[in-house]
C-alpha cells in the first residue's frame, strides 16, 4: 500500500430512489499516482467519480451516506464549500465540451471566475496551461478563434488545459479517451503520465490495455461493490478474487 493517500472513502453508499448503486465503498486512493477504476458498464464507476467532485448532487432522488475525505475533509459534510471542492478537481468527460468561446477564453474562464483580472497574468496562465496540455504549439497563432474549430482530440486537450488552469489537486477522467482517435488517445495517456508527478489522477476506463499501460493503482467495481483494489500490476497479472479474474479474462464484461 502506498503511504500517502489523497482520498479516503469510508462506508460510502449511494441510492438513486430505491436503486442501491454504490454499496459500502471503502478505499484509499494514493496521492500523485494514476488510479484506474474498471468494471462492467452500469457497475457504478461514473457514479463513484461524480461523488468525488459532488456532481452527484445534481441527480434527482440521490441519497448518500458515509464519508469521502479529500485532504482529511469529508466533502459530504453540510458545512463543506462545494465550490472549493470542485476547484480541487479537474474533470475530463467522455467527450470534450469546450465552452462556446475562443481558445484563449476557454483557458482563462476559470481564473477569471476566481477573480483574476490582469491581462498579463491571464496571458501567462493561458500559455502555461496550453503548454501543460501539449497544445500551445498547435494553437498559439489562433488563440482568438472559436474552440469548436479544433479537432476533437485538440478539444479534449483544451478541456484538460481549462481544468488545470484553476490549479486543482486532482484530475478526474470519465473514460477521457473513449471518443478519441488512437493518436489523440495516446496524447492524453502520455499527458497523464507526465502530470502524475503534480496531480492525483483518477480515471474510469473500460479499456484494460489502457489500465495496464498507465495505471499505478486499480479499483475493480462489480454491481456497485469494490471487489478488489491494489497496485495495478498485481491485480492485472495475479488477481486474488474470482470475479476479478473473470472480468480480466473477459468471462464477464
Protein backbone atom coordinates (compact mmCIF):
# COMPACT_ATOMS: atom_id res chain seq x y z
CA UNK A 1 0.00 0.00 0.00
CA UNK A 2 1.18 3.49 -0.80
CA UNK A 3 1.99 5.62 2.23
CA UNK A 4 0.32 8.84 1.07
CA UNK A 5 -3.39 8.75 0.39
CA UNK A 6 -5.12 11.79 -1.06
CA UNK A 7 -8.66 10.47 -0.88
CA UNK A 8 -10.12 8.17 1.77
CA UNK A 9 -13.56 6.64 1.25
CA UNK A 10 -15.37 5.16 4.23
CA UNK A 11 -18.62 3.19 4.04
CA UNK A 12 -19.88 5.19 1.06
CA UNK A 13 -23.36 4.20 -0.08
CA UNK A 14 -25.32 5.85 -2.89
CA UNK A 15 -29.00 5.25 -3.61
CA UNK A 16 -30.98 6.60 -6.57
CA UNK A 17 -34.52 6.31 -5.18
CA UNK A 18 -34.78 2.55 -4.48
CA UNK A 19 -31.71 1.59 -6.51
CA UNK A 20 -28.63 0.88 -4.36
CA UNK A 21 -25.89 1.97 -6.80
CA UNK A 22 -22.75 2.02 -4.62
CA UNK A 23 -22.52 -0.38 -1.69
CA UNK A 24 -20.22 0.10 1.30
CA UNK A 25 -17.31 1.55 -0.66
CA UNK A 26 -14.09 1.59 1.39
CA UNK A 27 -10.86 2.51 -0.35
CA UNK A 28 -7.83 4.77 -0.07
CA UNK A 29 -6.64 6.44 -3.25
CA UNK A 30 -2.92 7.26 -3.38
CA UNK A 31 -1.50 10.74 -3.89
CA UNK A 32 0.26 11.62 -7.17
CA UNK A 33 -0.46 8.28 -8.84
CA UNK A 34 -2.78 7.24 -11.65
CA UNK A 35 -5.69 5.24 -10.28
CA UNK A 36 -7.88 3.43 -12.81
CA UNK A 37 -11.44 2.39 -11.97
CA UNK A 38 -12.53 -0.60 -14.02
CA UNK A 39 -15.69 -2.67 -14.24
CA UNK A 40 -18.67 -3.51 -16.42
CA UNK A 41 -21.00 -0.85 -17.84
CA UNK A 42 -23.52 0.24 -15.21
CA UNK A 43 -21.48 -1.06 -12.27
CA UNK A 44 -21.18 2.38 -10.59
CA UNK A 45 -17.80 3.62 -11.87
CA UNK A 46 -19.01 7.01 -13.09
CA UNK A 47 -21.25 7.44 -10.04
CA UNK A 48 -18.19 6.94 -7.85
CA UNK A 49 -16.27 9.52 -9.86
CA UNK A 50 -19.15 12.01 -9.63
CA UNK A 51 -19.15 11.64 -5.85
CA UNK A 52 -15.61 12.99 -5.72
CA UNK A 53 -16.48 16.43 -7.09
CA UNK A 54 -20.08 16.46 -5.84
CA UNK A 55 -21.58 16.39 -9.34
CA UNK A 56 -23.69 13.60 -7.86
CA UNK A 57 -25.68 16.37 -6.13
CA UNK A 58 -27.46 17.20 -9.38
CA UNK A 59 -29.02 13.71 -9.69
CA UNK A 60 -32.70 13.58 -8.68
CA UNK A 61 -33.58 11.26 -5.82
CA UNK A 62 -29.99 10.64 -4.73
CA UNK A 63 -29.23 9.64 -1.14
CA UNK A 64 -25.64 9.43 0.09
CA UNK A 65 -24.30 8.03 3.34
CA UNK A 66 -20.73 7.51 4.54
CA UNK A 67 -17.67 9.70 4.12
CA UNK A 68 -15.42 10.74 1.26
CA UNK A 69 -12.41 12.56 2.64
CA UNK A 70 -10.20 14.78 0.48
CA UNK A 71 -7.15 16.04 2.37
CA UNK A 72 -8.89 14.85 5.54
CA UNK A 73 -12.10 16.85 4.91
CA UNK A 74 -15.39 15.00 4.43
CA UNK A 75 -16.74 16.58 1.27
CA UNK A 76 -20.29 15.49 2.16
CA UNK A 77 -20.23 17.47 5.41
CA UNK A 78 -23.05 20.09 5.20
CA UNK A 79 -20.52 22.83 6.01
CA UNK A 80 -18.29 21.93 3.04
CA UNK A 81 -17.88 24.62 0.37
CA UNK A 82 -18.76 22.71 -2.81
CA UNK A 83 -17.13 25.41 -4.99
CA UNK A 84 -13.78 24.82 -3.28
CA UNK A 85 -14.14 21.06 -3.62
CA UNK A 86 -14.75 21.40 -7.35
CA UNK A 87 -11.81 23.80 -7.64
CA UNK A 88 -9.62 20.97 -6.33
CA UNK A 89 -10.88 18.70 -9.11
CA UNK A 90 -10.27 18.98 -12.84
CA UNK A 91 -12.72 16.86 -14.86
CA UNK A 92 -12.35 15.35 -18.32
CA UNK A 93 -15.59 13.87 -19.63
CA UNK A 94 -16.00 11.13 -22.24
CA UNK A 95 -16.49 13.78 -24.90
CA UNK A 96 -14.81 17.17 -24.73
CA UNK A 97 -17.09 20.11 -24.02
CA UNK A 98 -15.24 23.30 -24.87
CA UNK A 99 -17.11 26.45 -23.90
CA UNK A 100 -18.69 28.38 -26.81
CA UNK A 101 -15.90 30.93 -26.91
CA UNK A 102 -12.32 31.32 -28.10
CA UNK A 103 -9.44 29.00 -27.27
CA UNK A 104 -7.94 31.75 -25.10
CA UNK A 105 -11.18 32.43 -23.22
CA UNK A 106 -11.73 28.73 -22.52
CA UNK A 107 -8.48 28.54 -20.55
CA UNK A 108 -8.92 31.98 -18.95
CA UNK A 109 -12.51 31.23 -17.90
CA UNK A 110 -11.76 29.60 -14.54
CA UNK A 111 -9.10 32.09 -13.38
CA UNK A 112 -11.46 34.96 -14.28
CA UNK A 113 -14.27 33.42 -12.24
CA UNK A 114 -11.89 33.22 -9.28
CA UNK A 115 -11.07 36.91 -9.59
CA UNK A 116 -8.04 37.19 -11.90
CA UNK A 117 -8.35 40.43 -13.93
CA UNK A 118 -4.77 41.16 -15.01
CA UNK A 119 -4.41 40.64 -18.75
CA UNK A 120 -0.70 40.00 -18.35
CA UNK A 121 -1.32 37.26 -15.77
CA UNK A 122 -4.10 35.76 -17.86
CA UNK A 123 -1.80 35.68 -20.90
CA UNK A 124 0.77 33.81 -18.82
CA UNK A 125 -1.84 31.38 -17.44
CA UNK A 126 -3.22 30.60 -20.89
CA UNK A 127 0.21 29.95 -22.37
CA UNK A 128 1.43 27.93 -19.39
CA UNK A 129 -1.55 25.56 -19.27
CA UNK A 130 -1.81 25.13 -23.01
CA UNK A 131 1.82 24.02 -22.82
CA UNK A 132 0.95 21.72 -19.89
CA UNK A 133 -1.68 20.12 -22.13
CA UNK A 134 0.76 19.91 -25.09
CA UNK A 135 -1.45 22.17 -27.19
CA UNK A 136 0.36 25.51 -27.26
CA UNK A 137 2.41 24.94 -30.40
CA UNK A 138 -0.70 23.90 -32.32
CA UNK A 139 -2.87 26.91 -31.35
CA UNK A 140 -0.58 29.81 -30.35
CA UNK A 141 -1.28 31.68 -33.61
CA UNK A 142 -5.07 31.32 -33.39
CA UNK A 143 -5.97 31.85 -29.74
CA UNK A 144 -8.91 34.09 -30.64
CA UNK A 145 -10.57 31.52 -32.93
CA UNK A 146 -13.56 29.52 -31.62
CA UNK A 147 -12.60 26.42 -29.67
CA UNK A 148 -15.24 24.49 -31.60
CA UNK A 149 -13.00 24.64 -34.69
CA UNK A 150 -10.39 22.41 -33.04
CA UNK A 151 -10.32 18.69 -33.75
CA UNK A 152 -11.94 16.50 -31.10
CA UNK A 153 -8.51 15.41 -29.83
CA UNK A 154 -7.39 19.03 -29.54
CA UNK A 155 -10.67 19.91 -27.82
CA UNK A 156 -10.01 17.25 -25.18
CA UNK A 157 -6.53 18.67 -24.53
CA UNK A 158 -8.07 22.16 -24.37
CA UNK A 159 -10.53 20.91 -21.75
CA UNK A 160 -7.55 19.49 -19.84
CA UNK A 161 -5.82 22.90 -20.01
CA UNK A 162 -9.02 24.61 -18.85
CA UNK A 163 -9.29 22.23 -15.91
CA UNK A 164 -5.64 22.68 -14.93
CA UNK A 165 -5.90 26.49 -15.09
CA UNK A 166 -7.83 26.64 -11.80
CA UNK A 167 -4.91 24.82 -10.14
CA UNK A 168 -6.63 21.65 -8.99
CA UNK A 169 -5.00 18.94 -6.90
CA UNK A 170 -6.86 16.08 -8.56
CA UNK A 171 -7.68 15.24 -12.19
CA UNK A 172 -10.78 13.12 -12.75
CA UNK A 173 -11.26 11.39 -16.10
CA UNK A 174 -14.52 9.69 -17.07
CA UNK A 175 -13.34 7.49 -19.93
CA UNK A 176 -11.47 10.55 -21.25
CA UNK A 177 -10.17 8.83 -24.40
CA UNK A 178 -13.27 6.83 -25.42
CA UNK A 179 -14.35 9.33 -28.11
CA UNK A 180 -10.84 9.95 -29.45
CA UNK A 181 -8.83 8.50 -32.32
CA UNK A 182 -5.80 6.33 -31.40
CA UNK A 183 -3.25 9.16 -31.74
CA UNK A 184 -5.32 11.58 -29.63
CA UNK A 185 -5.85 8.84 -27.03
CA UNK A 186 -2.11 8.29 -26.89
CA UNK A 187 -1.59 12.05 -26.42
CA UNK A 188 -3.92 12.10 -23.40
CA UNK A 189 -2.34 8.97 -21.89
CA UNK A 190 1.15 10.43 -22.30
CA UNK A 191 -0.02 13.70 -20.75
CA UNK A 192 -1.42 11.84 -17.73
CA UNK A 193 1.91 10.04 -17.24
CA UNK A 194 3.71 13.39 -17.29
CA UNK A 195 1.20 15.10 -14.97
CA UNK A 196 1.07 12.47 -12.23
CA UNK A 197 4.13 13.97 -10.57
CA UNK A 198 2.00 17.04 -9.83
CA UNK A 199 -1.55 15.69 -9.56
CA UNK A 200 -3.53 12.75 -8.25
CA UNK A 201 -5.22 11.28 -11.34
CA UNK A 202 -8.33 9.09 -11.11
CA UNK A 203 -9.82 7.76 -14.31
CA UNK A 204 -12.66 5.46 -15.27
CA UNK A 205 -11.68 3.24 -18.18
CA UNK A 206 -13.28 0.28 -19.94
CA UNK A 207 -10.01 -0.47 -21.74
CA UNK A 208 -7.93 -2.96 -19.78
CA UNK A 209 -4.94 -2.36 -22.08
CA UNK A 210 -5.08 1.31 -21.13
CA UNK A 211 -5.14 0.49 -17.42
CA UNK A 212 -2.15 -1.80 -17.96
CA UNK A 213 -0.26 0.95 -19.83
CA UNK A 214 -0.69 3.83 -17.40
CA UNK A 215 -2.31 2.88 -14.08
CA UNK A 216 -0.35 2.63 -10.84
CA UNK A 217 -3.37 1.60 -8.79
CA UNK A 218 -6.54 -0.25 -9.73
CA UNK A 219 -10.07 -0.38 -8.34
CA UNK A 220 -12.39 -3.07 -9.71
CA UNK A 221 -16.10 -2.42 -9.15
CA UNK A 222 -18.78 -5.02 -9.87
CA UNK A 223 -22.51 -4.40 -9.32
CA UNK A 224 -21.79 -1.42 -7.07
CA UNK A 225 -19.22 -3.11 -4.84
CA UNK A 226 -15.44 -2.92 -4.81
CA UNK A 227 -14.31 -6.47 -5.43
CA UNK A 228 -10.58 -5.81 -5.38
CA UNK A 229 -8.18 -2.88 -5.28
CA UNK A 230 -4.42 -2.52 -5.10
CA UNK A 231 -1.32 -1.94 -7.25
CA UNK A 232 -2.39 -2.25 -10.90
CA UNK A 233 0.37 -4.66 -11.93
CA UNK A 234 -0.51 -7.09 -9.13
CA UNK A 235 -4.23 -7.12 -9.88
CA UNK A 236 -3.87 -7.36 -13.65
CA UNK A 237 -1.28 -10.13 -13.50
CA UNK A 238 -2.36 -12.00 -10.39
CA UNK A 239 -5.91 -11.12 -9.27
CA UNK A 240 -6.95 -12.65 -5.97
CA UNK A 241 -10.73 -12.59 -6.43
CA UNK A 242 -12.67 -14.91 -8.74
CA UNK A 243 -14.82 -12.06 -10.11
CA UNK A 244 -11.69 -10.01 -10.93
CA UNK A 245 -10.18 -12.97 -12.79
CA UNK A 246 -13.42 -13.39 -14.75
CA UNK A 247 -13.52 -9.70 -15.69
CA UNK A 248 -9.86 -9.54 -16.74
CA UNK A 249 -10.19 -12.74 -18.77
CA UNK A 250 -13.36 -11.47 -20.46
CA UNK A 251 -15.77 -14.01 -18.97
CA UNK A 252 -17.82 -11.12 -17.57
CA UNK A 253 -17.85 -7.80 -19.41
